[in-house]
PDB file of N, CA and C in Angstrom:
ATOM      1  N   MET A   1       0.805  -1.175  -0.023  1.00  0.00           N
ATOM      2  CA  MET A   1      -0.062  -0.066   0.017  1.00  0.00           C
ATOM      3  C   MET A   1       0.866   1.257  -0.019  1.00  0.00           C
ATOM      4  N   THR A   2       2.140   1.136   0.396  1.00  0.00           N
ATOM      5  CA  THR A   2       2.889   2.362   0.476  1.00  0.00           C
ATOM      6  C   THR A   2       3.259   2.806  -0.966  1.00  0.00           C
ATOM      7  N   ALA A   3       3.322   2.024  -1.853  1.00  0.00           N
ATOM      8  CA  ALA A   3       3.481   2.401  -3.352  1.00  0.00           C
ATOM      9  C   ALA A   3       2.372   3.121  -3.785  1.00  0.00           C
ATOM     10  N   GLN A   4       1.075   2.952  -3.366  1.00  0.00           N
ATOM     11  CA  GLN A   4      -0.035   3.706  -3.802  1.00  0.00           C
ATOM     12  C   GLN A   4      -0.339   4.890  -2.975  1.00  0.00           C
ATOM     13  N   ALA A   5       0.483   5.103  -1.836  1.00  0.00           N
ATOM     14  CA  ALA A   5       0.040   6.215  -0.976  1.00  0.00           C
ATOM     15  C   ALA A   5       0.306   7.568  -1.620  1.00  0.00           C
ATOM     16  N   ASN A   6       1.139   7.676  -2.516  1.00  0.00           N
ATOM     17  CA  ASN A   6       1.366   8.913  -3.300  1.00  0.00           C
ATOM     18  C   ASN A   6       0.346   9.022  -4.559  1.00  0.00           C
ATOM     19  N   ILE A   7      -0.321   8.151  -4.760  1.00  0.00           N
ATOM     20  CA  ILE A   7      -1.247   8.113  -5.990  1.00  0.00           C
ATOM     21  C   ILE A   7      -2.589   8.560  -5.481  1.00  0.00           C
ATOM     22  N   SER A   8      -3.143   9.581  -6.145  1.00  0.00           N
ATOM     23  CA  SER A   8      -4.549  10.106  -5.753  1.00  0.00           C
ATOM     24  C   SER A   8      -5.528   8.968  -5.824  1.00  0.00           C
ATOM     25  N   LEU A   9      -6.582   9.194  -5.027  1.00  0.00           N
ATOM     26  CA  LEU A   9      -7.745   8.295  -5.081  1.00  0.00           C
ATOM     27  C   LEU A   9      -8.323   8.305  -6.568  1.00  0.00           C
ATOM     28  N   ALA A  10      -8.417   9.363  -7.265  1.00  0.00           N
ATOM     29  CA  ALA A  10      -8.919   9.333  -8.598  1.00  0.00           C
ATOM     30  C   ALA A  10      -8.118   8.506  -9.503  1.00  0.00           C
ATOM     31  N   ASP A  11      -6.718   8.654  -9.426  1.00  0.00           N
ATOM     32  CA  ASP A  11      -5.933   7.880 -10.310  1.00  0.00           C
ATOM     33  C   ASP A  11      -5.927   6.360  -9.867  1.00  0.00           C
ATOM     34  N   GLN A  12      -5.943   6.007  -8.574  1.00  0.00           N
ATOM     35  CA  GLN A  12      -6.188   4.700  -8.179  1.00  0.00           C
ATOM     36  C   GLN A  12      -7.447   4.071  -8.697  1.00  0.00           C
ATOM     37  N   PHE A  13      -8.520   4.872  -8.583  1.00  0.00           N
ATOM     38  CA  PHE A  13      -9.802   4.260  -9.037  1.00  0.00           C
ATOM     39  C   PHE A  13      -9.698   4.006 -10.524  1.00  0.00           C
ATOM     40  N   ALA A  14      -9.161   5.023 -11.387  1.00  0.00           N
ATOM     41  CA  ALA A  14      -8.935   4.694 -12.750  1.00  0.00           C
ATOM     42  C   ALA A  14      -8.167   3.737 -13.111  1.00  0.00           C
ATOM     43  N   LEU A  15      -7.063   3.312 -12.516  1.00  0.00           N
ATOM     44  CA  LEU A  15      -6.248   2.195 -12.689  1.00  0.00           C
ATOM     45  C   LEU A  15      -7.009   0.976 -12.476  1.00  0.00           C
ATOM     46  N   VAL A  16      -7.640   0.825 -11.283  1.00  0.00           N
ATOM     47  CA  VAL A  16      -8.353  -0.416 -11.009  1.00  0.00           C
ATOM     48  C   VAL A  16      -9.502  -0.651 -12.117  1.00  0.00           C
ATOM     49  N   HIS A  17     -10.198   0.565 -12.394  1.00  0.00           N
ATOM     50  CA  HIS A  17     -11.200   0.440 -13.435  1.00  0.00           C
ATOM     51  C   HIS A  17     -10.645  -0.176 -14.696  1.00  0.00           C
ATOM     52  N   ALA A  18      -9.515   0.325 -15.212  1.00  0.00           N
ATOM     53  CA  ALA A  18      -8.934  -0.132 -16.345  1.00  0.00           C
ATOM     54  C   ALA A  18      -8.442  -1.600 -16.237  1.00  0.00           C
ATOM     55  N   GLU A  19      -7.889  -2.015 -15.095  1.00  0.00           N
ATOM     56  CA  GLU A  19      -7.565  -3.469 -14.829  1.00  0.00           C
ATOM     57  C   GLU A  19      -8.720  -4.294 -14.889  1.00  0.00           C
ATOM     58  N   LEU A  20      -9.858  -3.872 -14.339  1.00  0.00           N
ATOM     59  CA  LEU A  20     -10.995  -4.741 -14.363  1.00  0.00           C
ATOM     60  C   LEU A  20     -11.534  -4.931 -15.792  1.00  0.00           C
ATOM     61  N   GLU A  21     -11.563  -3.854 -16.537  1.00  0.00           N
ATOM     62  CA  GLU A  21     -11.972  -4.012 -17.932  1.00  0.00           C
ATOM     63  C   GLU A  21     -11.043  -5.079 -18.635  1.00  0.00           C
ATOM     64  N   ALA A  22      -9.727  -5.072 -18.479  1.00  0.00           N
ATOM     65  CA  ALA A  22      -8.879  -6.014 -19.117  1.00  0.00           C
ATOM     66  C   ALA A  22      -9.305  -7.431 -18.575  1.00  0.00           C
ATOM     67  N   LEU A  23      -9.621  -7.553 -17.176  1.00  0.00           N
ATOM     68  CA  LEU A  23      -9.932  -8.816 -16.756  1.00  0.00           C
ATOM     69  C   LEU A  23     -11.244  -9.340 -17.253  1.00  0.00           C
ATOM     70  N   GLU A  24     -12.288  -8.485 -17.405  1.00  0.00           N
ATOM     71  CA  GLU A  24     -13.542  -8.805 -18.038  1.00  0.00           C
ATOM     72  C   GLU A  24     -13.363  -9.289 -19.495  1.00  0.00           C
ATOM     73  N   ALA A  25     -12.463  -8.684 -20.152  1.00  0.00           N
ATOM     74  CA  ALA A  25     -12.163  -9.108 -21.610  1.00  0.00           C
ATOM     75  C   ALA A  25     -11.578 -10.572 -21.566  1.00  0.00           C
ATOM     76  N   LYS A  26     -10.769 -10.780 -20.636  1.00  0.00           N
ATOM     77  CA  LYS A  26     -10.135 -12.107 -20.457  1.00  0.00           C
ATOM     78  C   LYS A  26     -11.122 -13.173 -20.011  1.00  0.00           C
ATOM     79  N   LYS A  27     -11.925 -12.754 -19.173  1.00  0.00           N
ATOM     80  CA  LYS A  27     -13.033 -13.679 -18.683  1.00  0.00           C
ATOM     81  C   LYS A  27     -13.957 -14.110 -19.796  1.00  0.00           C
ATOM     82  N   GLU A  28     -14.221 -13.128 -20.594  1.00  0.00           N
ATOM     83  CA  GLU A  28     -15.159 -13.490 -21.860  1.00  0.00           C
ATOM     84  C   GLU A  28     -14.437 -14.454 -22.754  1.00  0.00           C
ATOM     85  N   ILE A  29     -13.229 -14.282 -23.004  1.00  0.00           N
ATOM     86  CA  ILE A  29     -12.471 -15.192 -23.873  1.00  0.00           C
ATOM     87  C   ILE A  29     -12.558 -16.703 -23.244  1.00  0.00           C
ATOM     88  N   LEU A  30     -12.322 -16.744 -21.913  1.00  0.00           N
ATOM     89  CA  LEU A  30     -12.379 -17.971 -21.203  1.00  0.00           C
ATOM     90  C   LEU A  30     -13.866 -18.559 -21.320  1.00  0.00           C
ATOM     91  N   ARG A  31     -14.826 -17.737 -21.103  1.00  0.00           N
ATOM     92  CA  ARG A  31     -16.223 -18.094 -21.225  1.00  0.00           C
ATOM     93  C   ARG A  31     -16.470 -18.726 -22.383  1.00  0.00           C
ATOM     94  N   LYS A  32     -16.053 -18.047 -23.609  1.00  0.00           N
ATOM     95  CA  LYS A  32     -16.343 -18.648 -24.957  1.00  0.00           C
ATOM     96  C   LYS A  32     -15.558 -20.059 -25.072  1.00  0.00           C
ATOM     97  N   ALA A  33     -14.306 -19.957 -24.631  1.00  0.00           N
ATOM     98  CA  ALA A  33     -13.580 -21.254 -24.791  1.00  0.00           C
ATOM     99  C   ALA A  33     -14.347 -22.452 -24.034  1.00  0.00           C
ATOM    100  N   ILE A  34     -14.774 -22.178 -22.759  1.00  0.00           N
ATOM    101  CA  ILE A  34     -15.585 -23.205 -22.004  1.00  0.00           C
ATOM    102  C   ILE A  34     -16.819 -23.694 -22.716  1.00  0.00           C
ATOM    103  N   LEU A  35     -17.460 -22.697 -23.278  1.00  0.00           N
ATOM    104  CA  LEU A  35     -18.730 -23.109 -24.077  1.00  0.00           C
ATOM    105  C   LEU A  35     -18.384 -23.853 -25.300  1.00  0.00           C
ATOM    106  N   ALA A  36     -17.277 -23.533 -25.884  1.00  0.00           N
ATOM    107  CA  ALA A  36     -16.972 -24.185 -27.158  1.00  0.00           C
ATOM    108  C   ALA A  36     -16.574 -25.740 -26.907  1.00  0.00           C
ATOM    109  N   THR A  37     -16.216 -25.942 -25.730  1.00  0.00           N
ATOM    110  CA  THR A  37     -15.974 -27.486 -25.433  1.00  0.00           C
ATOM    111  C   THR A  37     -17.188 -28.350 -25.507  1.00  0.00           C
ATOM    112  N   GLY A  38     -18.387 -27.729 -25.319  1.00  0.00           N
ATOM    113  CA  GLY A  38     -19.704 -28.385 -25.424  1.00  0.00           C
ATOM    114  C   GLY A  38     -19.801 -29.320 -24.195  1.00  0.00           C
ATOM    115  N   LYS A  39     -18.979 -29.217 -23.233  1.00  0.00           N
ATOM    116  CA  LYS A  39     -19.006 -30.018 -21.951  1.00  0.00           C
ATOM    117  C   LYS A  39     -20.011 -29.267 -20.926  1.00  0.00           C
ATOM    118  N   GLU A  40     -20.619 -30.131 -20.059  1.00  0.00           N
ATOM    119  CA  GLU A  40     -21.524 -29.417 -18.958  1.00  0.00           C
ATOM    120  C   GLU A  40     -20.540 -29.260 -17.795  1.00  0.00           C
ATOM    121  N   ARG A  41     -19.535 -29.925 -17.659  1.00  0.00           N
ATOM    122  CA  ARG A  41     -18.487 -29.688 -16.433  1.00  0.00           C
ATOM    123  C   ARG A  41     -17.093 -29.825 -16.998  1.00  0.00           C
ATOM    124  N   ILE A  42     -16.309 -29.031 -16.397  1.00  0.00           N
ATOM    125  CA  ILE A  42     -14.926 -28.996 -16.753  1.00  0.00           C
ATOM    126  C   ILE A  42     -14.251 -28.913 -15.428  1.00  0.00           C
ATOM    127  N   ASP A  43     -13.406 -30.101 -15.103  1.00  0.00           N
ATOM    128  CA  ASP A  43     -12.724 -30.046 -13.837  1.00  0.00           C
ATOM    129  C   ASP A  43     -11.285 -29.409 -13.969  1.00  0.00           C
ATOM    130  N   GLY A  44     -10.975 -28.832 -12.980  1.00  0.00           N
ATOM    131  CA  GLY A  44      -9.551 -28.244 -12.885  1.00  0.00           C
ATOM    132  C   GLY A  44      -8.962 -28.884 -11.698  1.00  0.00           C
ATOM    133  N   ASP A  45      -7.691 -28.480 -11.339  1.00  0.00           N
ATOM    134  CA  ASP A  45      -6.889 -28.924 -10.215  1.00  0.00           C
ATOM    135  C   ASP A  45      -7.545 -28.452  -8.991  1.00  0.00           C
ATOM    136  N   ASN A  46      -8.040 -27.253  -8.953  1.00  0.00           N
ATOM    137  CA  ASN A  46      -8.531 -26.642  -7.674  1.00  0.00           C
ATOM    138  C   ASN A  46     -10.028 -26.450  -7.627  1.00  0.00           C
ATOM    139  N   CYS A  47     -10.574 -26.481  -8.920  1.00  0.00           N
ATOM    140  CA  CYS A  47     -12.170 -26.126  -8.924  1.00  0.00           C
ATOM    141  C   CYS A  47     -12.649 -26.778 -10.106  1.00  0.00           C
ATOM    142  N   TYR A  48     -13.920 -26.517 -10.352  1.00  0.00           N
ATOM    143  CA  TYR A  48     -14.546 -26.969 -11.618  1.00  0.00           C
ATOM    144  C   TYR A  48     -15.623 -25.880 -12.013  1.00  0.00           C
ATOM    145  N   VAL A  49     -15.908 -25.918 -13.352  1.00  0.00           N
ATOM    146  CA  VAL A  49     -16.937 -25.109 -13.823  1.00  0.00           C
ATOM    147  C   VAL A  49     -18.143 -25.950 -14.348  1.00  0.00           C
ATOM    148  N   MET A  50     -19.307 -25.406 -14.226  1.00  0.00           N
ATOM    149  CA  MET A  50     -20.454 -26.011 -14.789  1.00  0.00           C
ATOM    150  C   MET A  50     -21.261 -25.159 -15.736  1.00  0.00           C
ATOM    151  N   VAL A  51     -21.651 -25.783 -16.713  1.00  0.00           N
ATOM    152  CA  VAL A  51     -22.381 -24.951 -17.764  1.00  0.00           C
ATOM    153  C   VAL A  51     -23.911 -25.431 -17.683  1.00  0.00           C
ATOM    154  N   SER A  52     -24.759 -24.443 -17.578  1.00  0.00           N
ATOM    155  CA  SER A  52     -26.228 -24.708 -17.520  1.00  0.00           C
ATOM    156  C   SER A  52     -27.025 -23.615 -18.261  1.00  0.00           C
ATOM    157  N   LEU A  53     -28.259 -23.872 -18.479  1.00  0.00           N
ATOM    158  CA  LEU A  53     -29.102 -22.933 -19.111  1.00  0.00           C
ATOM    159  C   LEU A  53     -29.836 -22.208 -18.095  1.00  0.00           C
ATOM    160  N   ALA A  54     -29.962 -20.823 -18.302  1.00  0.00           N
ATOM    161  CA  ALA A  54     -30.825 -19.982 -17.462  1.00  0.00           C
ATOM    162  C   ALA A  54     -31.781 -19.181 -18.236  1.00  0.00           C
ATOM    163  N   GLU A  55     -32.957 -19.194 -17.952  1.00  0.00           N
ATOM    164  CA  GLU A  55     -34.016 -18.411 -18.710  1.00  0.00           C
ATOM    165  C   GLU A  55     -34.143 -16.943 -18.145  1.00  0.00           C
ATOM    166  N   THR A  56     -34.092 -16.054 -18.995  1.00  0.00           N
ATOM    167  CA  THR A  56     -34.357 -14.634 -18.647  1.00  0.00           C
ATOM    168  C   THR A  56     -35.554 -14.100 -19.183  1.00  0.00           C
ATOM    169  N   ARG A  57     -36.253 -13.476 -18.447  1.00  0.00           N
ATOM    170  CA  ARG A  57     -37.591 -12.899 -18.977  1.00  0.00           C
ATOM    171  C   ARG A  57     -37.480 -11.316 -18.858  1.00  0.00           C
ATOM    172  N   LYS A  58     -38.019 -10.675 -19.817  1.00  0.00           N
ATOM    173  CA  LYS A  58     -38.174  -9.262 -19.794  1.00  0.00           C
ATOM    174  C   LYS A  58     -39.620  -8.907 -19.897  1.00  0.00           C
ATOM    175  N   ILE A  59     -39.919  -7.690 -19.339  1.00  0.00           N
ATOM    176  CA  ILE A  59     -41.287  -7.173 -19.412  1.00  0.00           C
ATOM    177  C   ILE A  59     -41.365  -5.985 -20.443  1.00  0.00           C
ATOM    178  N   ASP A  60     -42.298  -5.965 -21.207  1.00  0.00           N
ATOM    179  CA  ASP A  60     -42.500  -4.890 -22.160  1.00  0.00           C
ATOM    180  C   ASP A  60     -43.033  -3.714 -21.541  1.00  0.00           C
ATOM    181  N   THR A  61     -42.296  -2.731 -21.119  1.00  0.00           N
ATOM    182  CA  THR A  61     -42.925  -1.601 -20.406  1.00  0.00           C
ATOM    183  C   THR A  61     -43.602  -0.636 -21.183  1.00  0.00           C
ATOM    184  N   LYS A  62     -43.365  -0.616 -22.568  1.00  0.00           N
ATOM    185  CA  LYS A  62     -44.146   0.292 -23.463  1.00  0.00           C
ATOM    186  C   LYS A  62     -45.564  -0.291 -23.550  1.00  0.00           C
ATOM    187  N   MET A  63     -45.678  -1.595 -23.549  1.00  0.00           N
ATOM    188  CA  MET A  63     -47.028  -2.189 -23.592  1.00  0.00           C
ATOM    189  C   MET A  63     -47.719  -2.098 -22.211  1.00  0.00           C
ATOM    190  N   LEU A  64     -47.010  -2.185 -21.172  1.00  0.00           N
ATOM    191  CA  LEU A  64     -47.602  -1.966 -19.924  1.00  0.00           C
ATOM    192  C   LEU A  64     -48.219  -0.541 -19.762  1.00  0.00           C
ATOM    193  N   ARG A  65     -47.396   0.490 -20.177  1.00  0.00           N
ATOM    194  CA  ARG A  65     -47.887   1.923 -20.064  1.00  0.00           C
ATOM    195  C   ARG A  65     -49.157   2.105 -20.953  1.00  0.00           C
ATOM    196  N   LYS A  66     -49.264   1.413 -22.003  1.00  0.00           N
ATOM    197  CA  LYS A  66     -50.422   1.470 -22.862  1.00  0.00           C
ATOM    198  C   LYS A  66     -51.628   0.842 -22.327  1.00  0.00           C
ATOM    199  N   GLU A  67     -51.454  -0.116 -21.485  1.00  0.00           N
ATOM    200  CA  GLU A  67     -52.522  -0.968 -20.944  1.00  0.00           C
ATOM    201  C   GLU A  67     -53.008  -0.520 -19.429  1.00  0.00           C
ATOM    202  N   PHE A  68     -52.038   0.016 -18.719  1.00  0.00           N
ATOM    203  CA  PHE A  68     -52.371   0.454 -17.467  1.00  0.00           C
ATOM    204  C   PHE A  68     -52.152   1.967 -17.131  1.00  0.00           C
ATOM    205  N   SER A  69     -52.822   2.577 -16.269  1.00  0.00           N
ATOM    206  CA  SER A  69     -52.805   3.848 -15.845  1.00  0.00           C
ATOM    207  C   SER A  69     -51.501   4.001 -15.030  1.00  0.00           C
ATOM    208  N   ALA A  70     -51.010   5.382 -14.966  1.00  0.00           N
ATOM    209  CA  ALA A  70     -49.838   5.707 -14.163  1.00  0.00           C
ATOM    210  C   ALA A  70     -50.158   5.329 -12.608  1.00  0.00           C
ATOM    211  N   GLU A  71     -51.312   5.472 -12.187  1.00  0.00           N
ATOM    212  CA  GLU A  71     -51.661   5.071 -10.853  1.00  0.00           C
ATOM    213  C   GLU A  71     -51.585   3.544 -10.596  1.00  0.00           C
ATOM    214  N   GLN A  72     -52.011   2.842 -11.673  1.00  0.00           N
ATOM    215  CA  GLN A  72     -52.018   1.360 -11.430  1.00  0.00           C
ATOM    216  C   GLN A  72     -50.517   0.733 -11.520  1.00  0.00           C
ATOM    217  N   LEU A  73     -49.702   1.473 -12.359  1.00  0.00           N
ATOM    218  CA  LEU A  73     -48.268   1.130 -12.420  1.00  0.00           C
ATOM    219  C   LEU A  73     -47.619   1.431 -11.221  1.00  0.00           C
ATOM    220  N   ALA A  74     -47.854   2.535 -10.443  1.00  0.00           N
ATOM    221  CA  ALA A  74     -47.309   2.970  -9.319  1.00  0.00           C
ATOM    222  C   ALA A  74     -47.636   2.008  -8.143  1.00  0.00           C
ATOM    223  N   LEU A  75     -48.747   1.364  -8.127  1.00  0.00           N
ATOM    224  CA  LEU A  75     -49.183   0.477  -7.248  1.00  0.00           C
ATOM    225  C   LEU A  75     -48.328  -0.792  -7.353  1.00  0.00           C
ATOM    226  N   ALA A  76     -47.878  -1.081  -8.462  1.00  0.00           N
ATOM    227  CA  ALA A  76     -47.138  -2.407  -8.696  1.00  0.00           C
ATOM    228  C   ALA A  76     -45.582  -2.143  -8.702  1.00  0.00           C
ATOM    229  N   ALA A  77     -45.219  -0.854  -8.639  1.00  0.00           N
ATOM    230  CA  ALA A  77     -43.769  -0.515  -8.634  1.00  0.00           C
ATOM    231  C   ALA A  77     -43.187  -0.820  -7.266  1.00  0.00           C
ATOM    232  N   LYS A  78     -41.899  -1.353  -7.368  1.00  0.00           N
ATOM    233  CA  LYS A  78     -41.071  -1.600  -6.150  1.00  0.00           C
ATOM    234  C   LYS A  78     -39.906  -0.635  -6.123  1.00  0.00           C
ATOM    235  N   SER A  79     -39.493  -0.347  -4.953  1.00  0.00           N
ATOM    236  CA  SER A  79     -38.466   0.524  -4.888  1.00  0.00           C
ATOM    237  C   SER A  79     -37.013  -0.303  -5.088  1.00  0.00           C
ATOM    238  N   PHE A  80     -36.030   0.346  -5.722  1.00  0.00           N
ATOM    239  CA  PHE A  80     -34.883  -0.301  -6.021  1.00  0.00           C
ATOM    240  C   PHE A  80     -33.702   0.501  -5.284  1.00  0.00           C
ATOM    241  N   ASP A  81     -32.673  -0.119  -4.844  1.00  0.00           N
ATOM    242  CA  ASP A  81     -31.606   0.515  -4.196  1.00  0.00           C
ATOM    243  C   ASP A  81     -30.953   1.407  -5.282  1.00  0.00           C
ATOM    244  N   THR A  82     -30.562   2.587  -4.742  1.00  0.00           N
ATOM    245  CA  THR A  82     -29.793   3.539  -5.483  1.00  0.00           C
ATOM    246  C   THR A  82     -28.311   3.584  -5.038  1.00  0.00           C
ATOM    247  N   ASP A  83     -27.531   4.049  -5.963  1.00  0.00           N
ATOM    248  CA  ASP A  83     -26.084   4.037  -5.646  1.00  0.00           C
ATOM    249  C   ASP A  83     -25.488   5.220  -6.248  1.00  0.00           C
ATOM    250  N   LYS A  84     -24.442   5.688  -5.723  1.00  0.00           N
ATOM    251  CA  LYS A  84     -23.810   6.878  -6.431  1.00  0.00           C
ATOM    252  C   LYS A  84     -22.873   6.346  -7.452  1.00  0.00           C
ATOM    253  N   VAL A  85     -22.770   7.002  -8.635  1.00  0.00           N
ATOM    254  CA  VAL A  85     -21.859   6.604  -9.781  1.00  0.00           C
ATOM    255  C   VAL A  85     -20.696   7.551  -9.645  1.00  0.00           C
ATOM    256  N   ILE A  86     -19.611   6.890  -9.956  1.00  0.00           N
ATOM    257  CA  ILE A  86     -18.373   7.537 -10.138  1.00  0.00           C
ATOM    258  C   ILE A  86     -17.884   7.452 -11.493  1.00  0.00           C
ATOM    259  N   GLU A  87     -17.706   8.562 -12.185  1.00  0.00           N
ATOM    260  CA  GLU A  87     -17.230   8.571 -13.567  1.00  0.00           C
ATOM    261  C   GLU A  87     -15.720   8.932 -13.499  1.00  0.00           C
ATOM    262  N   ILE A  88     -15.024   8.415 -14.496  1.00  0.00           N
ATOM    263  CA  ILE A  88     -13.624   8.662 -14.764  1.00  0.00           C
ATOM    264  C   ILE A  88     -13.490   9.675 -15.815  1.00  0.00           C
ATOM    265  N   ALA A  89     -12.894  10.859 -15.548  1.00  0.00           N
ATOM    266  CA  ALA A  89     -12.680  11.923 -16.403  1.00  0.00           C
ATOM    267  C   ALA A  89     -11.342  12.563 -16.213  1.00  0.00           C
ATOM    268  N   GLY A  90     -11.075  13.552 -17.063  1.00  0.00           N
ATOM    269  CA  GLY A  90      -9.701  14.120 -16.933  1.00  0.00           C
ATOM    270  C   GLY A  90      -8.825  14.123 -18.124  1.00  0.00           C
ATOM    271  N   ASP A  91      -7.824  14.832 -18.178  1.00  0.00           N
ATOM    272  CA  ASP A  91      -6.929  14.839 -19.394  1.00  0.00           C
ATOM    273  C   ASP A  91      -6.383  13.532 -19.719  1.00  0.00           C
ATOM    274  N   LYS A  92      -5.960  12.752 -18.752  1.00  0.00           N
ATOM    275  CA  LYS A  92      -5.286  11.418 -18.959  1.00  0.00           C
ATOM    276  C   LYS A  92      -6.168  10.164 -18.846  1.00  0.00           C
ATOM    277  N   ALA A  93      -7.459  10.445 -18.568  1.00  0.00           N
ATOM    278  CA  ALA A  93      -8.434   9.363 -18.346  1.00  0.00           C
ATOM    279  C   ALA A  93      -8.679   8.495 -19.674  1.00  0.00           C
ATOM    280  N   ALA A  94      -8.909   9.356 -20.771  1.00  0.00           N
ATOM    281  CA  ALA A  94      -9.013   8.655 -22.046  1.00  0.00           C
ATOM    282  C   ALA A  94      -7.897   7.845 -22.418  1.00  0.00           C
ATOM    283  N   GLN A  95      -6.722   8.378 -22.102  1.00  0.00           N
ATOM    284  CA  GLN A  95      -5.422   7.656 -22.404  1.00  0.00           C
ATOM    285  C   GLN A  95      -5.258   6.388 -21.643  1.00  0.00           C
ATOM    286  N   LEU A  96      -5.762   6.311 -20.421  1.00  0.00           N
ATOM    287  CA  LEU A  96      -5.677   5.178 -19.446  1.00  0.00           C
ATOM    288  C   LEU A  96      -6.668   4.240 -20.008  1.00  0.00           C
ATOM    289  N   VAL A  97      -7.815   4.578 -20.322  1.00  0.00           N
ATOM    290  CA  VAL A  97      -8.820   3.656 -20.842  1.00  0.00           C
ATOM    291  C   VAL A  97      -8.387   3.184 -22.118  1.00  0.00           C
ATOM    292  N   ALA A  98      -7.777   3.857 -23.032  1.00  0.00           N
ATOM    293  CA  ALA A  98      -7.342   3.369 -24.457  1.00  0.00           C
ATOM    294  C   ALA A  98      -6.217   2.480 -24.097  1.00  0.00           C
ATOM    295  N   THR A  99      -5.356   2.671 -23.117  1.00  0.00           N
ATOM    296  CA  THR A  99      -4.271   1.653 -22.899  1.00  0.00           C
ATOM    297  C   THR A  99      -4.952   0.369 -22.398  1.00  0.00           C
ATOM    298  N   SER A 100      -5.837   0.420 -21.539  1.00  0.00           N
ATOM    299  CA  SER A 100      -6.600  -0.772 -21.087  1.00  0.00           C
ATOM    300  C   SER A 100      -7.230  -1.574 -22.266  1.00  0.00           C
ATOM    301  N   VAL A 101      -7.903  -0.772 -23.188  1.00  0.00           N
ATOM    302  CA  VAL A 101      -8.525  -1.422 -24.279  1.00  0.00           C
ATOM    303  C   VAL A 101      -7.542  -2.027 -25.100  1.00  0.00           C
ATOM    304  N   ARG A 102      -6.376  -1.304 -25.516  1.00  0.00           N
ATOM    305  CA  ARG A 102      -5.340  -1.886 -26.317  1.00  0.00           C
ATOM    306  C   ARG A 102      -4.769  -3.216 -25.651  1.00  0.00           C
ATOM    307  N   SER A 103      -4.603  -3.078 -24.281  1.00  0.00           N
ATOM    308  CA  SER A 103      -4.114  -4.348 -23.630  1.00  0.00           C
ATOM    309  C   SER A 103      -5.032  -5.564 -23.669  1.00  0.00           C
ATOM    310  N   SER A 104      -6.302  -5.234 -23.564  1.00  0.00           N
ATOM    311  CA  SER A 104      -7.274  -6.360 -23.691  1.00  0.00           C
ATOM    312  C   SER A 104      -7.378  -6.875 -25.061  1.00  0.00           C
ATOM    313  N   VAL A 105      -7.183  -6.004 -26.145  1.00  0.00           N
ATOM    314  CA  VAL A 105      -7.299  -6.396 -27.446  1.00  0.00           C
ATOM    315  C   VAL A 105      -5.903  -7.290 -27.825  1.00  0.00           C
ATOM    316  N   LEU A 106      -4.817  -6.865 -27.236  1.00  0.00           N
ATOM    317  CA  LEU A 106      -3.671  -7.653 -27.416  1.00  0.00           C
ATOM    318  C   LEU A 106      -3.827  -9.088 -26.761  1.00  0.00           C
ATOM    319  N   LEU A 107      -4.351  -9.021 -25.477  1.00  0.00           N
ATOM    320  CA  LEU A 107      -4.617 -10.160 -24.758  1.00  0.00           C
ATOM    321  C   LEU A 107      -5.541 -11.189 -25.576  1.00  0.00           C
ATOM    322  N   ARG A 108      -6.526 -10.519 -26.113  1.00  0.00           N
ATOM    323  CA  ARG A 108      -7.527 -11.430 -26.940  1.00  0.00           C
ATOM    324  C   ARG A 108      -6.721 -12.026 -28.170  1.00  0.00           C
ATOM    325  N   HIS A 109      -5.937 -11.157 -28.828  1.00  0.00           N
ATOM    326  CA  HIS A 109      -5.372 -11.538 -29.981  1.00  0.00           C
ATOM    327  C   HIS A 109      -4.378 -12.607 -29.716  1.00  0.00           C
ATOM    328  N   ASN A 110      -3.481 -12.676 -28.670  1.00  0.00           N
ATOM    329  CA  ASN A 110      -2.567 -13.559 -28.208  1.00  0.00           C
ATOM    330  C   ASN A 110      -3.188 -14.879 -27.700  1.00  0.00           C
ATOM    331  N   GLU A 111      -4.248 -14.627 -27.005  1.00  0.00           N
ATOM    332  CA  GLU A 111      -4.914 -15.994 -26.453  1.00  0.00           C
ATOM    333  C   GLU A 111      -5.758 -16.701 -27.553  1.00  0.00           C
ATOM    334  N   GLU A 112      -6.152 -15.987 -28.637  1.00  0.00           N
ATOM    335  CA  GLU A 112      -6.921 -16.702 -29.705  1.00  0.00           C
ATOM    336  C   GLU A 112      -5.902 -17.181 -30.623  1.00  0.00           C
ATOM    337  N   GLY A 113      -4.681 -16.915 -30.496  1.00  0.00           N
ATOM    338  CA  GLY A 113      -3.551 -17.537 -31.430  1.00  0.00           C
ATOM    339  C   GLY A 113      -3.598 -16.908 -32.853  1.00  0.00           C
ATOM    340  N   GLN A 114      -3.986 -15.716 -32.975  1.00  0.00           N
ATOM    341  CA  GLN A 114      -4.065 -15.175 -34.402  1.00  0.00           C
ATOM    342  C   GLN A 114      -2.810 -14.408 -34.593  1.00  0.00           C
TER     343      GLN A 114
END
């Protein structure tokens, strides 16, 4: 932590954000590789992964607004948690994100063997 003591919170946040994006790109490559095996279970040395189907349903809110009054919709509405959003901005923010994207593209390129 001493190495990061001189780095501002904003810069630390941006660096972690960029690292997470690169990790998400790598995770997606691994996900596709797992699905490509066609196996329902893949065992590793320390863990295993299982592939299963999950159904997702969505509600057509435009249709609901046409069919029900605002009062009726309000009765059915549930409260959701809210959270504060932190955006990364500044002179070097775009450069940092671009570096992260370039890293994940190179990672993808190298792992796909192209």
